[in-house]
Amino acid sequence: MKIKSGDTVIVIAGKDKGKTGKVLQTMPKKNLVVVEGVNVQTKHEKPRGPESPGGIQKAEGPIDASNVMYYDSKAGKGSRIGYKVENGTKVRVSKASGQEIK
């Protein structure tokens, strides 16, 4: 999986197509990512006493990593990710602008 936690991505498929957000969590074994503000799900929680009153909670759910693309802010659009070896270290590079991804 070429997407890492902390990357800014754009959703390219699904109900939230076109939205951008920061990757909060990656699950490489399942090929899933959790993106801030994307695939927001509601959960109704039952009151469990005075310290937890319950109510409707909203949280981001995971989406498939194939439905997101790295967002290159310099190019202003989605970009594929490539790899380049510089000084013996492997670094990620944006294909759209050629910039190194940190």
C-alpha atoms as a PDB file:
ATOM      1  CA  MET A   1       0.000   0.000   0.000  1.00  0.00           C
ATOM      2  CA  LYS A   2       1.520   3.310  -1.106  1.00  0.00           C
ATOM      3  CA  ILE A   3      -0.753   5.523   1.048  1.00  0.00           C
ATOM      4  CA  LYS A   4       0.575   6.237   4.547  1.00  0.00           C
ATOM      5  CA  SER A   5      -0.949   7.805   7.684  1.00  0.00           C
ATOM      6  CA  GLY A   6      -0.805  11.595   7.538  1.00  0.00           C
ATOM      7  CA  ASP A   7      -1.037  11.799   3.724  1.00  0.00           C
ATOM      8  CA  THR A   8      -3.649  14.046   2.159  1.00  0.00           C
ATOM      9  CA  VAL A   9      -5.805  12.047  -0.248  1.00  0.00           C
ATOM     10  CA  ILE A  10      -8.716  12.633  -2.619  1.00  0.00           C
ATOM     11  CA  VAL A  11     -11.569  10.127  -2.918  1.00  0.00           C
ATOM     12  CA  ILE A  12     -11.923   8.940  -6.517  1.00  0.00           C
ATOM     13  CA  ALA A  13     -14.869   6.526  -6.162  1.00  0.00           C
ATOM     14  CA  GLY A  14     -17.936   6.022  -3.981  1.00  0.00           C
ATOM     15  CA  LYS A  15     -20.484   8.254  -2.276  1.00  0.00           C
ATOM     16  CA  ASP A  16     -17.827  10.747  -1.085  1.00  0.00           C
ATOM     17  CA  LYS A  17     -16.151  11.127  -4.497  1.00  0.00           C
ATOM     18  CA  GLY A  18     -14.230  14.408  -4.813  1.00  0.00           C
ATOM     19  CA  LYS A  19     -13.692  14.967  -1.073  1.00  0.00           C
ATOM     20  CA  THR A  20     -10.178  15.462   0.263  1.00  0.00           C
ATOM     21  CA  GLY A  21      -8.916  14.672   3.737  1.00  0.00           C
ATOM     22  CA  LYS A  22      -6.028  13.492   5.850  1.00  0.00           C
ATOM     23  CA  VAL A  23      -5.450   9.763   6.373  1.00  0.00           C
ATOM     24  CA  LEU A  24      -5.986   8.995  10.063  1.00  0.00           C
ATOM     25  CA  GLN A  25      -5.270   5.263   9.980  1.00  0.00           C
ATOM     26  CA  THR A  26      -4.157   2.587   7.523  1.00  0.00           C
ATOM     27  CA  MET A  27      -4.869  -1.137   7.639  1.00  0.00           C
ATOM     28  CA  PRO A  28      -2.459  -2.662   5.098  1.00  0.00           C
ATOM     29  CA  LYS A  29      -3.485  -6.297   5.633  1.00  0.00           C
ATOM     30  CA  LYS A  30      -7.110  -5.461   4.753  1.00  0.00           C
ATOM     31  CA  ASN A  31      -6.135  -2.720   2.235  1.00  0.00           C
ATOM     32  CA  LEU A  32      -8.287  -0.140   4.084  1.00  0.00           C
ATOM     33  CA  VAL A  33      -7.769   3.498   5.073  1.00  0.00           C
ATOM     34  CA  VAL A  34      -9.670   5.822   7.421  1.00  0.00           C
ATOM     35  CA  VAL A  35      -9.887   9.369   6.024  1.00  0.00           C
ATOM     36  CA  GLU A  36     -10.908  12.464   7.996  1.00  0.00           C
ATOM     37  CA  GLY A  37     -14.460  13.563   7.050  1.00  0.00           C
ATOM     38  CA  VAL A  38     -15.075  10.667   4.639  1.00  0.00           C
ATOM     39  CA  ASN A  39     -17.513   7.741   5.117  1.00  0.00           C
ATOM     40  CA  VAL A  40     -18.947   9.266   8.312  1.00  0.00           C
ATOM     41  CA  GLN A  41     -21.126   6.739  10.126  1.00  0.00           C
ATOM     42  CA  THR A  42     -23.592   7.303  12.967  1.00  0.00           C
ATOM     43  CA  LYS A  43     -23.852   5.079  16.011  1.00  0.00           C
ATOM     44  CA  HIS A  44     -26.621   5.276  18.613  1.00  0.00           C
ATOM     45  CA  GLU A  45     -25.254   4.718  22.122  1.00  0.00           C
ATOM     46  CA  LYS A  46     -27.402   3.724  25.048  1.00  0.00           C
ATOM     47  CA  PRO A  47     -27.004   5.731  28.286  1.00  0.00           C
ATOM     48  CA  ARG A  48     -24.736   3.886  30.759  1.00  0.00           C
ATOM     49  CA  GLY A  49     -25.115   6.088  33.809  1.00  0.00           C
ATOM     50  CA  PRO A  50     -24.429   9.707  34.713  1.00  0.00           C
ATOM     51  CA  GLU A  51     -20.878   9.779  33.289  1.00  0.00           C
ATOM     52  CA  SER A  52     -21.922   8.529  29.821  1.00  0.00           C
ATOM     53  CA  PRO A  53     -25.286   9.964  28.823  1.00  0.00           C
ATOM     54  CA  GLY A  54     -25.412   8.234  25.430  1.00  0.00           C
ATOM     55  CA  GLY A  55     -26.698   9.808  22.220  1.00  0.00           C
ATOM     56  CA  ILE A  56     -25.766   9.786  18.562  1.00  0.00           C
ATOM     57  CA  GLN A  57     -22.022   9.496  17.888  1.00  0.00           C
ATOM     58  CA  LYS A  58     -20.445  10.156  14.488  1.00  0.00           C
ATOM     59  CA  ALA A  59     -17.162   8.531  13.406  1.00  0.00           C
ATOM     60  CA  GLU A  60     -15.279   7.919  10.167  1.00  0.00           C
ATOM     61  CA  GLY A  61     -15.363   4.389   8.838  1.00  0.00           C
ATOM     62  CA  PRO A  62     -12.728   2.651   6.738  1.00  0.00           C
ATOM     63  CA  ILE A  63     -12.818   2.675   2.937  1.00  0.00           C
ATOM     64  CA  ASP A  64     -10.838   0.641   0.442  1.00  0.00           C
ATOM     65  CA  ALA A  65      -7.431   2.063  -0.393  1.00  0.00           C
ATOM     66  CA  SER A  66      -8.134   1.648  -4.120  1.00  0.00           C
ATOM     67  CA  ASN A  67     -10.834   4.334  -3.823  1.00  0.00           C
ATOM     68  CA  VAL A  68      -8.385   7.057  -2.750  1.00  0.00           C
ATOM     69  CA  MET A  69      -5.497   8.768  -4.510  1.00  0.00           C
ATOM     70  CA  TYR A  70      -2.668  10.858  -3.096  1.00  0.00           C
ATOM     71  CA  TYR A  71      -3.541  14.590  -3.393  1.00  0.00           C
ATOM     72  CA  ASP A  72      -0.639  16.675  -4.699  1.00  0.00           C
ATOM     73  CA  SER A  73      -1.181  20.214  -3.397  1.00  0.00           C
ATOM     74  CA  LYS A  74       1.385  21.659  -5.813  1.00  0.00           C
ATOM     75  CA  ALA A  75      -0.369  20.178  -8.872  1.00  0.00           C
ATOM     76  CA  GLY A  76      -3.815  20.690  -7.288  1.00  0.00           C
ATOM     77  CA  LYS A  77      -5.047  17.226  -8.238  1.00  0.00           C
ATOM     78  CA  GLY A  78      -4.690  13.549  -7.476  1.00  0.00           C
ATOM     79  CA  SER A  79      -1.408  11.887  -8.286  1.00  0.00           C
ATOM     80  CA  ARG A  80       0.071   8.427  -8.489  1.00  0.00           C
ATOM     81  CA  ILE A  81       3.037   7.622  -6.259  1.00  0.00           C
ATOM     82  CA  GLY A  82       6.371   6.342  -7.482  1.00  0.00           C
ATOM     83  CA  TYR A  83       9.631   5.477  -5.768  1.00  0.00           C
ATOM     84  CA  LYS A  84      13.143   6.792  -6.325  1.00  0.00           C
ATOM     85  CA  VAL A  85      16.446   5.868  -4.676  1.00  0.00           C
ATOM     86  CA  GLU A  86      18.431   8.895  -3.508  1.00  0.00           C
ATOM     87  CA  ASN A  87      21.722   8.507  -1.615  1.00  0.00           C
ATOM     88  CA  GLY A  88      20.919   4.861  -0.873  1.00  0.00           C
ATOM     89  CA  THR A  89      17.470   5.594   0.615  1.00  0.00           C
ATOM     90  CA  LYS A  90      14.135   4.863  -1.026  1.00  0.00           C
ATOM     91  CA  VAL A  91      11.789   7.887  -1.139  1.00  0.00           C
ATOM     92  CA  ARG A  92       8.210   8.332  -2.378  1.00  0.00           C
ATOM     93  CA  VAL A  93       7.732  10.724  -5.296  1.00  0.00           C
ATOM     94  CA  SER A  94       4.585  12.310  -6.743  1.00  0.00           C
ATOM     95  CA  LYS A  95       4.213  11.450 -10.421  1.00  0.00           C
ATOM     96  CA  ALA A  96       2.252  14.664 -11.177  1.00  0.00           C
ATOM     97  CA  SER A  97       4.819  17.192  -9.952  1.00  0.00           C
ATOM     98  CA  GLY A  98       7.957  15.101  -9.353  1.00  0.00           C
ATOM     99  CA  GLN A  99       8.175  16.354  -5.758  1.00  0.00           C
ATOM    100  CA  GLU A 100       9.382  14.126  -2.940  1.00  0.00           C
ATOM    101  CA  ILE A 101       6.625  13.101  -0.501  1.00  0.00           C
ATOM    102  CA  LYS A 102       7.522  13.439   3.171  1.00  0.00           C
END
